[in-house]
């Protein structure tokens, strides 16, 4: 009798849970994959995030991976015995539903080696105009501060990146159903939902174990590059005289409008260059390998220019500074 009652209670519990899951998931809604949870309860961000839009027994899978944001896959679905089946004409797959509420769904593969948590997006519309291009911002989030400048419609400069790296990252915005996401091609940044703009601050949300706020506060002061114009000669204390067979040590540099001339021991090369508006960095692309070189200006006045080079611009040791005088 007790065993029979226990079986009935378990059966009722399964039915109630399944009905609850159906009610939550069948609502018209948009969800974002937020993090993985493993058997040791360690949470790991889902940097290759995705959206799922659920509407009237149909869903759309929207990839938020930087390279594949145009990939939108329409699917049909149904729920049976706490299993979420989704399919189209080409394939069929399923996930276990471990938990479902008004703001979170936890899916798992049938081997349950890891769980994938989706968070519901409770925003109907992002701001229509997002003033990123040509502007710089301080980034403020819990445990993280940085400075970023959106150089143009595809490149941004991140201050925290080492000078030995390019420092330039690709970025873009992606909009789906009036929801706009800021995507930066770096492991540092999961997709950021652009939530609102207040005064000179852009408010975004990152979806992890909780919804975390990231603020972009606009900078106003710009770096003055006018003193760069003209010719600069390397000082003797910048480096030891190179052996005759090495010809890539700069002897002098000259800035003229958009042209940078670098004189080496036995040749002169010219590059198109441009500068960050707000941060002390200049960029020029090598015609030999299409590499974007980055120089950080450590000191600039009427008589002295000190730069920190990258790993590619002078082809020798990293993190070395060079001194130039008029």
C-alpha atoms as a PDB file:
ATOM      1  CA  UNK A   1       0.000   0.000   0.000  1.00  0.00           C
ATOM      2  CA  UNK A   2       2.798   2.405   0.944  1.00  0.00           C
ATOM      3  CA  UNK A   3       4.753   1.516  -2.199  1.00  0.00           C
ATOM      4  CA  UNK A   4       1.686   2.085  -4.354  1.00  0.00           C
ATOM      5  CA  UNK A   5       1.095   5.491  -2.728  1.00  0.00           C
ATOM      6  CA  UNK A   6       4.732   6.418  -3.309  1.00  0.00           C
ATOM      7  CA  UNK A   7       4.445   5.551  -7.003  1.00  0.00           C
ATOM      8  CA  UNK A   8       1.297   7.700  -7.289  1.00  0.00           C
ATOM      9  CA  UNK A   9       3.014  10.659  -5.579  1.00  0.00           C
ATOM     10  CA  UNK A  10       6.035  10.374  -7.891  1.00  0.00           C
ATOM     11  CA  UNK A  11       3.787  10.173 -10.943  1.00  0.00           C
ATOM     12  CA  UNK A  12       1.803  13.246  -9.862  1.00  0.00           C
ATOM     13  CA  UNK A  13       5.075  15.092  -9.206  1.00  0.00           C
ATOM     14  CA  UNK A  14       6.332  14.295 -12.705  1.00  0.00           C
ATOM     15  CA  UNK A  15       3.072  15.449 -14.268  1.00  0.00           C
ATOM     16  CA  UNK A  16       3.061  18.694 -12.280  1.00  0.00           C
ATOM     17  CA  UNK A  17       6.715  19.394 -13.118  1.00  0.00           C
ATOM     18  CA  UNK A  18       6.174  18.599 -16.774  1.00  0.00           C
ATOM     19  CA  UNK A  19       3.112  20.847 -16.942  1.00  0.00           C
ATOM     20  CA  UNK A  20       5.027  23.634 -15.207  1.00  0.00           C
ATOM     21  CA  UNK A  21       7.899  23.275 -17.677  1.00  0.00           C
ATOM     22  CA  UNK A  22       5.453  23.329 -20.587  1.00  0.00           C
ATOM     23  CA  UNK A  23       3.817  26.492 -19.276  1.00  0.00           C
ATOM     24  CA  UNK A  24       7.153  28.297 -18.811  1.00  0.00           C
ATOM     25  CA  UNK A  25       8.740  27.256 -22.082  1.00  0.00           C
ATOM     26  CA  UNK A  26       5.644  27.589 -24.257  1.00  0.00           C
ATOM     27  CA  UNK A  27       5.328  31.295 -23.450  1.00  0.00           C
ATOM     28  CA  UNK A  28       6.403  33.696 -26.213  1.00  0.00           C
ATOM     29  CA  UNK A  29       9.878  34.656 -25.063  1.00  0.00           C
ATOM     30  CA  UNK A  30      13.554  35.124 -25.930  1.00  0.00           C
ATOM     31  CA  UNK A  31      16.282  33.398 -23.932  1.00  0.00           C
ATOM     32  CA  UNK A  32      20.075  33.689 -23.990  1.00  0.00           C
ATOM     33  CA  UNK A  33      22.549  30.939 -23.144  1.00  0.00           C
ATOM     34  CA  UNK A  34      24.455  32.169 -20.106  1.00  0.00           C
ATOM     35  CA  UNK A  35      26.764  29.565 -18.606  1.00  0.00           C
ATOM     36  CA  UNK A  36      27.665  25.921 -18.319  1.00  0.00           C
ATOM     37  CA  UNK A  37      27.572  24.118 -14.993  1.00  0.00           C
ATOM     38  CA  UNK A  38      29.657  20.990 -14.523  1.00  0.00           C
ATOM     39  CA  UNK A  39      29.435  18.106 -12.062  1.00  0.00           C
ATOM     40  CA  UNK A  40      31.785  19.859  -9.627  1.00  0.00           C
ATOM     41  CA  UNK A  41      29.393  22.867  -9.598  1.00  0.00           C
ATOM     42  CA  UNK A  42      31.927  25.062 -11.386  1.00  0.00           C
ATOM     43  CA  UNK A  43      30.239  27.617 -13.660  1.00  0.00           C
ATOM     44  CA  UNK A  44      31.841  28.591 -16.965  1.00  0.00           C
ATOM     45  CA  UNK A  45      30.567  31.423 -19.200  1.00  0.00           C
ATOM     46  CA  UNK A  46      29.146  30.477 -22.568  1.00  0.00           C
ATOM     47  CA  UNK A  47      31.294  32.728 -24.734  1.00  0.00           C
ATOM     48  CA  UNK A  48      29.721  31.284 -27.876  1.00  0.00           C
ATOM     49  CA  UNK A  49      26.327  32.451 -26.725  1.00  0.00           C
ATOM     50  CA  UNK A  50      23.104  31.899 -28.557  1.00  0.00           C
ATOM     51  CA  UNK A  51      19.519  33.066 -28.423  1.00  0.00           C
ATOM     52  CA  UNK A  52      16.408  30.971 -28.669  1.00  0.00           C
ATOM     53  CA  UNK A  53      13.107  32.591 -29.486  1.00  0.00           C
ATOM     54  CA  UNK A  54      10.097  30.471 -28.552  1.00  0.00           C
ATOM     55  CA  UNK A  55       6.760  31.227 -30.123  1.00  0.00           C
ATOM     56  CA  UNK A  56       3.705  29.049 -30.781  1.00  0.00           C
ATOM     57  CA  UNK A  57       5.399  25.650 -30.879  1.00  0.00           C
ATOM     58  CA  UNK A  58       8.165  27.030 -33.065  1.00  0.00           C
ATOM     59  CA  UNK A  59      11.549  28.285 -32.060  1.00  0.00           C
ATOM     60  CA  UNK A  60      14.463  30.035 -33.703  1.00  0.00           C
ATOM     61  CA  UNK A  61      18.068  29.414 -32.793  1.00  0.00           C
ATOM     62  CA  UNK A  62      20.205  32.543 -33.234  1.00  0.00           C
ATOM     63  CA  UNK A  63      23.970  32.240 -32.990  1.00  0.00           C
ATOM     64  CA  UNK A  64      25.793  35.080 -31.175  1.00  0.00           C
ATOM     65  CA  UNK A  65      29.266  33.814 -32.004  1.00  0.00           C
ATOM     66  CA  UNK A  66      31.142  36.757 -33.538  1.00  0.00           C
ATOM     67  CA  UNK A  67      31.752  35.006 -36.847  1.00  0.00           C
ATOM     68  CA  UNK A  68      28.297  33.473 -37.234  1.00  0.00           C
ATOM     69  CA  UNK A  69      25.733  36.039 -36.134  1.00  0.00           C
ATOM     70  CA  UNK A  70      23.800  35.727 -39.399  1.00  0.00           C
ATOM     71  CA  UNK A  71      23.077  32.082 -38.675  1.00  0.00           C
ATOM     72  CA  UNK A  72      19.408  31.800 -37.701  1.00  0.00           C
ATOM     73  CA  UNK A  73      17.919  28.312 -37.651  1.00  0.00           C
ATOM     74  CA  UNK A  74      14.106  27.849 -37.537  1.00  0.00           C
ATOM     75  CA  UNK A  75      12.975  24.733 -35.657  1.00  0.00           C
ATOM     76  CA  UNK A  76       9.837  23.086 -34.330  1.00  0.00           C
ATOM     77  CA  UNK A  77       9.659  21.634 -30.843  1.00  0.00           C
ATOM     78  CA  UNK A  78       7.579  19.713 -28.351  1.00  0.00           C
ATOM     79  CA  UNK A  79       7.992  18.705 -24.712  1.00  0.00           C
ATOM     80  CA  UNK A  80       7.438  15.197 -23.452  1.00  0.00           C
ATOM     81  CA  UNK A  81       8.443  13.665 -20.108  1.00  0.00           C
ATOM     82  CA  UNK A  82      10.646  16.655 -19.260  1.00  0.00           C
ATOM     83  CA  UNK A  83      12.513  16.289 -22.522  1.00  0.00           C
ATOM     84  CA  UNK A  84      12.719  19.143 -24.979  1.00  0.00           C
ATOM     85  CA  UNK A  85      12.623  17.814 -28.556  1.00  0.00           C
ATOM     86  CA  UNK A  86      13.499  20.157 -31.401  1.00  0.00           C
ATOM     87  CA  UNK A  87      13.717  19.365 -35.087  1.00  0.00           C
ATOM     88  CA  UNK A  88      13.475  20.490 -38.693  1.00  0.00           C
ATOM     89  CA  UNK A  89      13.487  18.702 -42.035  1.00  0.00           C
ATOM     90  CA  UNK A  90      17.186  17.850 -41.714  1.00  0.00           C
ATOM     91  CA  UNK A  91      17.799  16.924 -38.099  1.00  0.00           C
ATOM     92  CA  UNK A  92      16.302  16.153 -34.733  1.00  0.00           C
ATOM     93  CA  UNK A  93      17.787  16.509 -31.255  1.00  0.00           C
ATOM     94  CA  UNK A  94      16.685  16.634 -27.644  1.00  0.00           C
ATOM     95  CA  UNK A  95      17.710  17.984 -24.252  1.00  0.00           C
ATOM     96  CA  UNK A  96      16.622  17.143 -20.762  1.00  0.00           C
ATOM     97  CA  UNK A  97      14.807  19.912 -18.890  1.00  0.00           C
ATOM     98  CA  UNK A  98      16.246  19.910 -15.387  1.00  0.00           C
ATOM     99  CA  UNK A  99      14.619  23.147 -14.255  1.00  0.00           C
ATOM    100  CA  UNK A 100      12.362  25.836 -15.638  1.00  0.00           C
ATOM    101  CA  UNK A 101      11.149  29.077 -14.104  1.00  0.00           C
ATOM    102  CA  UNK A 102      10.050  32.484 -15.299  1.00  0.00           C
ATOM    103  CA  UNK A 103      13.686  33.635 -15.668  1.00  0.00           C
ATOM    104  CA  UNK A 104      15.846  30.508 -16.117  1.00  0.00           C
ATOM    105  CA  UNK A 105      15.847  27.184 -17.934  1.00  0.00           C
ATOM    106  CA  UNK A 106      18.454  24.498 -17.259  1.00  0.00           C
ATOM    107  CA  UNK A 107      19.044  22.005 -20.063  1.00  0.00           C
ATOM    108  CA  UNK A 108      21.334  18.979 -20.050  1.00  0.00           C
ATOM    109  CA  UNK A 109      22.452  16.330 -22.451  1.00  0.00           C
ATOM    110  CA  UNK A 110      21.274  12.856 -21.614  1.00  0.00           C
ATOM    111  CA  UNK A 111      24.678  11.914 -20.186  1.00  0.00           C
ATOM    112  CA  UNK A 112      24.325  14.903 -17.796  1.00  0.00           C
ATOM    113  CA  UNK A 113      28.052  15.658 -17.951  1.00  0.00           C
ATOM    114  CA  UNK A 114      27.233  19.368 -18.068  1.00  0.00           C
ATOM    115  CA  UNK A 115      24.252  21.676 -17.828  1.00  0.00           C
ATOM    116  CA  UNK A 116      23.525  24.707 -19.986  1.00  0.00           C
ATOM    117  CA  UNK A 117      21.607  27.542 -18.367  1.00  0.00           C
ATOM    118  CA  UNK A 118      19.476  29.959 -20.382  1.00  0.00           C
ATOM    119  CA  UNK A 119      18.321  33.286 -18.938  1.00  0.00           C
ATOM    120  CA  UNK A 120      15.169  35.023 -20.087  1.00  0.00           C
ATOM    121  CA  UNK A 121      15.610  38.478 -21.623  1.00  0.00           C
ATOM    122  CA  UNK A 122      13.105  40.846 -20.065  1.00  0.00           C
ATOM    123  CA  UNK A 123      13.640  43.741 -22.443  1.00  0.00           C
ATOM    124  CA  UNK A 124      11.424  44.541 -25.380  1.00  0.00           C
ATOM    125  CA  UNK A 125      13.619  47.040 -27.222  1.00  0.00           C
ATOM    126  CA  UNK A 126      17.175  48.406 -27.200  1.00  0.00           C
ATOM    127  CA  UNK A 127      17.937  52.065 -27.963  1.00  0.00           C
ATOM    128  CA  UNK A 128      17.721  52.776 -31.682  1.00  0.00           C
ATOM    129  CA  UNK A 129      20.832  54.970 -31.924  1.00  0.00           C
ATOM    130  CA  UNK A 130      23.959  53.724 -30.181  1.00  0.00           C
ATOM    131  CA  UNK A 131      26.820  56.296 -30.379  1.00  0.00           C
ATOM    132  CA  UNK A 132      29.872  54.036 -30.426  1.00  0.00           C
ATOM    133  CA  UNK A 133      31.831  54.839 -33.609  1.00  0.00           C
ATOM    134  CA  UNK A 134      34.558  57.427 -33.058  1.00  0.00           C
ATOM    135  CA  UNK A 135      34.023  57.579 -29.305  1.00  0.00           C
ATOM    136  CA  UNK A 136      35.906  56.240 -26.285  1.00  0.00           C
ATOM    137  CA  UNK A 137      34.518  54.963 -23.006  1.00  0.00           C
ATOM    138  CA  UNK A 138      35.584  53.758 -19.610  1.00  0.00           C
ATOM    139  CA  UNK A 139      34.198  50.291 -18.938  1.00  0.00           C
ATOM    140  CA  UNK A 140      32.853  49.736 -15.451  1.00  0.00           C
ATOM    141  CA  UNK A 141      31.710  46.334 -14.241  1.00  0.00           C
ATOM    142  CA  UNK A 142      31.987  44.368 -11.032  1.00  0.00           C
ATOM    143  CA  UNK A 143      35.664  43.415 -10.715  1.00  0.00           C
ATOM    144  CA  UNK A 144      36.656  44.895 -14.055  1.00  0.00           C
ATOM    145  CA  UNK A 145      37.590  48.363 -15.305  1.00  0.00           C
ATOM    146  CA  UNK A 146      39.072  49.260 -18.673  1.00  0.00           C
ATOM    147  CA  UNK A 147      39.075  51.857 -21.430  1.00  0.00           C
ATOM    148  CA  UNK A 148      37.893  51.225 -24.978  1.00  0.00           C
ATOM    149  CA  UNK A 149      37.790  53.325 -28.123  1.00  0.00           C
ATOM    150  CA  UNK A 150      35.702  52.412 -31.151  1.00  0.00           C
ATOM    151  CA  UNK A 151      38.078  53.518 -33.907  1.00  0.00           C
ATOM    152  CA  UNK A 152      35.691  52.896 -36.794  1.00  0.00           C
ATOM    153  CA  UNK A 153      32.788  50.611 -37.680  1.00  0.00           C
ATOM    154  CA  UNK A 154      34.828  47.419 -37.226  1.00  0.00           C
ATOM    155  CA  UNK A 155      37.930  48.076 -35.051  1.00  0.00           C
ATOM    156  CA  UNK A 156      38.205  49.025 -31.400  1.00  0.00           C
ATOM    157  CA  UNK A 157      41.169  49.690 -29.119  1.00  0.00           C
ATOM    158  CA  UNK A 158      41.243  48.079 -25.683  1.00  0.00           C
ATOM    159  CA  UNK A 159      43.630  49.746 -23.252  1.00  0.00           C
ATOM    160  CA  UNK A 160      44.250  46.627 -21.142  1.00  0.00           C
ATOM    161  CA  UNK A 161      45.578  44.580 -24.054  1.00  0.00           C
ATOM    162  CA  UNK A 162      49.382  44.254 -23.882  1.00  0.00           C
ATOM    163  CA  UNK A 163      51.345  46.441 -26.280  1.00  0.00           C
ATOM    164  CA  UNK A 164      52.986  43.262 -27.556  1.00  0.00           C
ATOM    165  CA  UNK A 165      49.586  42.339 -29.008  1.00  0.00           C
ATOM    166  CA  UNK A 166      47.800  44.253 -31.709  1.00  0.00           C
ATOM    167  CA  UNK A 167      45.507  45.938 -29.123  1.00  0.00           C
ATOM    168  CA  UNK A 168      43.019  46.302 -31.953  1.00  0.00           C
ATOM    169  CA  UNK A 169      39.967  44.051 -31.777  1.00  0.00           C
ATOM    170  CA  UNK A 170      37.064  43.552 -34.143  1.00  0.00           C
ATOM    171  CA  UNK A 171      33.626  44.587 -32.936  1.00  0.00           C
ATOM    172  CA  UNK A 172      30.088  44.933 -34.234  1.00  0.00           C
ATOM    173  CA  UNK A 173      26.515  45.235 -33.094  1.00  0.00           C
ATOM    174  CA  UNK A 174      23.902  42.621 -33.860  1.00  0.00           C
ATOM    175  CA  UNK A 175      20.167  43.273 -33.657  1.00  0.00           C
ATOM    176  CA  UNK A 176      17.438  40.675 -33.403  1.00  0.00           C
ATOM    177  CA  UNK A 177      13.784  41.612 -32.820  1.00  0.00           C
ATOM    178  CA  UNK A 178      14.743  45.129 -31.656  1.00  0.00           C
ATOM    179  CA  UNK A 179      17.305  43.740 -29.188  1.00  0.00           C
ATOM    180  CA  UNK A 180      20.831  45.001 -29.912  1.00  0.00           C
ATOM    181  CA  UNK A 181      23.976  43.252 -28.717  1.00  0.00           C
ATOM    182  CA  UNK A 182      27.515  44.600 -28.580  1.00  0.00           C
ATOM    183  CA  UNK A 183      29.902  41.873 -29.750  1.00  0.00           C
ATOM    184  CA  UNK A 184      33.676  42.185 -29.290  1.00  0.00           C
ATOM    185  CA  UNK A 185      35.871  39.477 -30.768  1.00  0.00           C
ATOM    186  CA  UNK A 186      37.685  38.641 -27.538  1.00  0.00           C
ATOM    187  CA  UNK A 187      37.384  36.011 -24.831  1.00  0.00           C
ATOM    188  CA  UNK A 188      37.125  38.888 -22.343  1.00  0.00           C
ATOM    189  CA  UNK A 189      33.639  39.815 -23.499  1.00  0.00           C
ATOM    190  CA  UNK A 190      30.548  37.652 -23.791  1.00  0.00           C
ATOM    191  CA  UNK A 191      27.713  39.263 -25.772  1.00  0.00           C
ATOM    192  CA  UNK A 192      26.425  42.417 -24.105  1.00  0.00           C
ATOM    193  CA  UNK A 193      22.765  43.354 -24.456  1.00  0.00           C
ATOM    194  CA  UNK A 194      22.475  47.124 -24.912  1.00  0.00           C
ATOM    195  CA  UNK A 195      19.851  48.008 -22.371  1.00  0.00           C
ATOM    196  CA  UNK A 196      19.622  51.809 -22.233  1.00  0.00           C
ATOM    197  CA  UNK A 197      21.473  55.094 -22.715  1.00  0.00           C
ATOM    198  CA  UNK A 198      21.430  57.741 -20.009  1.00  0.00           C
ATOM    199  CA  UNK A 199      23.268  61.008 -20.578  1.00  0.00           C
ATOM    200  CA  UNK A 200      26.723  59.846 -21.768  1.00  0.00           C
ATOM    201  CA  UNK A 201      26.517  56.329 -20.337  1.00  0.00           C
ATOM    202  CA  UNK A 202      25.583  53.219 -22.306  1.00  0.00           C
ATOM    203  CA  UNK A 203      24.164  50.527 -20.038  1.00  0.00           C
ATOM    204  CA  UNK A 204      24.566  46.900 -21.056  1.00  0.00           C
ATOM    205  CA  UNK A 205      23.798  43.529 -19.482  1.00  0.00           C
ATOM    206  CA  UNK A 206      25.917  40.392 -19.460  1.00  0.00           C
ATOM    207  CA  UNK A 207      24.074  37.170 -18.683  1.00  0.00           C
ATOM    208  CA  UNK A 208      26.015  34.840 -16.402  1.00  0.00           C
ATOM    209  CA  UNK A 209      24.986  33.172 -13.120  1.00  0.00           C
ATOM    210  CA  UNK A 210      23.194  36.466 -12.576  1.00  0.00           C
ATOM    211  CA  UNK A 211      22.501  39.434 -14.820  1.00  0.00           C
ATOM    212  CA  UNK A 212      25.559  41.671 -14.514  1.00  0.00           C
ATOM    213  CA  UNK A 213      25.570  45.329 -15.469  1.00  0.00           C
ATOM    214  CA  UNK A 214      28.387  46.782 -17.589  1.00  0.00           C
ATOM    215  CA  UNK A 215      28.506  50.537 -18.086  1.00  0.00           C
ATOM    216  CA  UNK A 216      30.278  52.412 -20.883  1.00  0.00           C
ATOM    217  CA  UNK A 217      30.912  56.006 -19.772  1.00  0.00           C
ATOM    218  CA  UNK A 218      31.919  58.350 -22.564  1.00  0.00           C
ATOM    219  CA  UNK A 219      35.273  60.146 -22.409  1.00  0.00           C
ATOM    220  CA  UNK A 220      35.512  63.782 -23.418  1.00  0.00           C
ATOM    221  CA  UNK A 221      39.223  64.735 -23.419  1.00  0.00           C
ATOM    222  CA  UNK A 222      41.195  63.906 -26.567  1.00  0.00           C
ATOM    223  CA  UNK A 223      44.918  63.249 -27.027  1.00  0.00           C
ATOM    224  CA  UNK A 224      46.841  66.030 -28.800  1.00  0.00           C
ATOM    225  CA  UNK A 225      48.817  64.717 -31.779  1.00  0.00           C
ATOM    226  CA  UNK A 226      49.789  68.011 -33.429  1.00  0.00           C
ATOM    227  CA  UNK A 227      53.289  67.868 -31.918  1.00  0.00           C
ATOM    228  CA  UNK A 228      54.027  64.670 -33.848  1.00  0.00           C
ATOM    229  CA  UNK A 229      54.309  66.449 -37.205  1.00  0.00           C
ATOM    230  CA  UNK A 230      57.837  66.695 -38.520  1.00  0.00           C
ATOM    231  CA  UNK A 231      61.019  64.646 -38.465  1.00  0.00           C
ATOM    232  CA  UNK A 232      62.427  62.851 -35.424  1.00  0.00           C
ATOM    233  CA  UNK A 233      65.888  61.273 -35.090  1.00  0.00           C
ATOM    234  CA  UNK A 234      66.621  58.303 -32.865  1.00  0.00           C
ATOM    235  CA  UNK A 235      68.919  59.113 -29.942  1.00  0.00           C
ATOM    236  CA  UNK A 236      72.068  57.081 -29.382  1.00  0.00           C
ATOM    237  CA  UNK A 237      70.796  55.732 -26.072  1.00  0.00           C
ATOM    238  CA  UNK A 238      67.754  54.107 -27.703  1.00  0.00           C
ATOM    239  CA  UNK A 239      69.650  51.004 -28.751  1.00  0.00           C
ATOM    240  CA  UNK A 240      73.123  49.627 -29.438  1.00  0.00           C
ATOM    241  CA  UNK A 241      74.368  50.065 -33.020  1.00  0.00           C
ATOM    242  CA  UNK A 242      73.136  47.004 -34.938  1.00  0.00           C
ATOM    243  CA  UNK A 243      75.374  44.680 -36.932  1.00  0.00           C
ATOM    244  CA  UNK A 244      75.704  45.676 -40.618  1.00  0.00           C
ATOM    245  CA  UNK A 245      73.508  42.800 -41.775  1.00  0.00           C
ATOM    246  CA  UNK A 246      70.537  44.071 -39.748  1.00  0.00           C
ATOM    247  CA  UNK A 247      68.687  46.854 -41.523  1.00  0.00           C
ATOM    248  CA  UNK A 248      65.408  47.070 -39.612  1.00  0.00           C
ATOM    249  CA  UNK A 249      66.474  49.428 -36.798  1.00  0.00           C
ATOM    250  CA  UNK A 250      64.900  52.877 -37.350  1.00  0.00           C
ATOM    251  CA  UNK A 251      67.278  55.781 -37.731  1.00  0.00           C
ATOM    252  CA  UNK A 252      64.607  58.445 -38.024  1.00  0.00           C
ATOM    253  CA  UNK A 253      60.862  58.810 -38.431  1.00  0.00           C
ATOM    254  CA  UNK A 254      58.756  61.541 -40.015  1.00  0.00           C
ATOM    255  CA  UNK A 255      55.058  62.266 -39.679  1.00  0.00           C
ATOM    256  CA  UNK A 256      53.387  64.142 -42.545  1.00  0.00           C
ATOM    257  CA  UNK A 257      49.593  64.274 -42.576  1.00  0.00           C
ATOM    258  CA  UNK A 258      48.590  60.618 -43.045  1.00  0.00           C
ATOM    259  CA  UNK A 259      52.051  59.375 -44.129  1.00  0.00           C
ATOM    260  CA  UNK A 260      54.609  57.929 -41.725  1.00  0.00           C
ATOM    261  CA  UNK A 261      58.156  57.557 -43.141  1.00  0.00           C
ATOM    262  CA  UNK A 262      60.565  55.289 -41.281  1.00  0.00           C
ATOM    263  CA  UNK A 263      64.216  55.477 -42.322  1.00  0.00           C
ATOM    264  CA  UNK A 264      66.255  52.371 -41.667  1.00  0.00           C
ATOM    265  CA  UNK A 265      69.984  51.862 -42.217  1.00  0.00           C
ATOM    266  CA  UNK A 266      69.722  51.406 -45.954  1.00  0.00           C
ATOM    267  CA  UNK A 267      66.113  52.074 -46.910  1.00  0.00           C
ATOM    268  CA  UNK A 268      63.046  54.162 -46.172  1.00  0.00           C
ATOM    269  CA  UNK A 269      59.524  52.775 -45.926  1.00  0.00           C
ATOM    270  CA  UNK A 270      56.279  54.709 -45.962  1.00  0.00           C
ATOM    271  CA  UNK A 271      53.041  53.758 -44.265  1.00  0.00           C
ATOM    272  CA  UNK A 272      49.558  55.142 -43.960  1.00  0.00           C
ATOM    273  CA  UNK A 273      48.972  55.853 -40.287  1.00  0.00           C
ATOM    274  CA  UNK A 274      46.103  56.897 -38.082  1.00  0.00           C
ATOM    275  CA  UNK A 275      45.755  57.649 -34.402  1.00  0.00           C
ATOM    276  CA  UNK A 276      43.436  57.026 -31.535  1.00  0.00           C
ATOM    277  CA  UNK A 277      41.481  60.172 -30.737  1.00  0.00           C
ATOM    278  CA  UNK A 278      41.414  59.673 -27.001  1.00  0.00           C
ATOM    279  CA  UNK A 279      44.304  57.347 -26.125  1.00  0.00           C
ATOM    280  CA  UNK A 280      48.054  57.733 -26.844  1.00  0.00           C
ATOM    281  CA  UNK A 281      48.329  55.162 -29.653  1.00  0.00           C
ATOM    282  CA  UNK A 282      49.118  55.341 -33.345  1.00  0.00           C
ATOM    283  CA  UNK A 283      48.592  52.596 -35.919  1.00  0.00           C
ATOM    284  CA  UNK A 284      50.092  51.778 -39.297  1.00  0.00           C
ATOM    285  CA  UNK A 285      49.724  48.749 -41.535  1.00  0.00           C
ATOM    286  CA  UNK A 286      52.789  46.939 -42.828  1.00  0.00           C
ATOM    287  CA  UNK A 287      52.618  46.518 -46.637  1.00  0.00           C
ATOM    288  CA  UNK A 288      54.654  43.314 -46.350  1.00  0.00           C
ATOM    289  CA  UNK A 289      52.351  41.230 -44.149  1.00  0.00           C
ATOM    290  CA  UNK A 290      49.276  43.449 -43.659  1.00  0.00           C
ATOM    291  CA  UNK A 291      49.988  43.506 -39.922  1.00  0.00           C
ATOM    292  CA  UNK A 292      48.576  46.455 -37.988  1.00  0.00           C
ATOM    293  CA  UNK A 293      51.425  47.843 -35.931  1.00  0.00           C
ATOM    294  CA  UNK A 294      50.745  49.736 -32.734  1.00  0.00           C
ATOM    295  CA  UNK A 295      52.935  52.357 -31.090  1.00  0.00           C
ATOM    296  CA  UNK A 296      52.174  53.670 -27.646  1.00  0.00           C
ATOM    297  CA  UNK A 297      53.300  57.243 -27.066  1.00  0.00           C
ATOM    298  CA  UNK A 298      54.931  57.387 -23.647  1.00  0.00           C
ATOM    299  CA  UNK A 299      56.158  60.993 -23.909  1.00  0.00           C
ATOM    300  CA  UNK A 300      55.462  63.749 -26.439  1.00  0.00           C
ATOM    301  CA  UNK A 301      56.599  67.359 -26.243  1.00  0.00           C
ATOM    302  CA  UNK A 302      58.338  69.874 -28.510  1.00  0.00           C
ATOM    303  CA  UNK A 303      61.726  68.155 -28.290  1.00  0.00           C
ATOM    304  CA  UNK A 304      61.230  64.572 -27.159  1.00  0.00           C
ATOM    305  CA  UNK A 305      59.199  61.588 -28.404  1.00  0.00           C
ATOM    306  CA  UNK A 306      59.307  58.276 -26.542  1.00  0.00           C
ATOM    307  CA  UNK A 307      57.380  55.348 -27.966  1.00  0.00           C
ATOM    308  CA  UNK A 308      56.811  51.767 -26.906  1.00  0.00           C
ATOM    309  CA  UNK A 309      56.846  49.424 -29.839  1.00  0.00           C
ATOM    310  CA  UNK A 310      54.889  46.250 -30.555  1.00  0.00           C
ATOM    311  CA  UNK A 311      56.184  42.817 -31.431  1.00  0.00           C
ATOM    312  CA  UNK A 312      56.094  43.443 -35.184  1.00  0.00           C
ATOM    313  CA  UNK A 313      56.925  47.035 -35.945  1.00  0.00           C
ATOM    314  CA  UNK A 314      60.707  46.882 -35.399  1.00  0.00           C
ATOM    315  CA  UNK A 315      61.083  43.074 -35.606  1.00  0.00           C
ATOM    316  CA  UNK A 316      63.147  42.552 -32.475  1.00  0.00           C
ATOM    317  CA  UNK A 317      62.611  42.281 -28.700  1.00  0.00           C
ATOM    318  CA  UNK A 318      59.234  42.984 -27.165  1.00  0.00           C
ATOM    319  CA  UNK A 319      58.234  45.886 -24.923  1.00  0.00           C
ATOM    320  CA  UNK A 320      61.167  48.080 -25.873  1.00  0.00           C
ATOM    321  CA  UNK A 321      61.014  51.846 -25.845  1.00  0.00           C
ATOM    322  CA  UNK A 322      62.666  54.183 -28.345  1.00  0.00           C
ATOM    323  CA  UNK A 323      63.633  57.817 -27.850  1.00  0.00           C
ATOM    324  CA  UNK A 324      63.548  60.406 -30.656  1.00  0.00           C
ATOM    325  CA  UNK A 325      64.466  64.063 -30.691  1.00  0.00           C
ATOM    326  CA  UNK A 326      63.814  66.819 -33.232  1.00  0.00           C
END
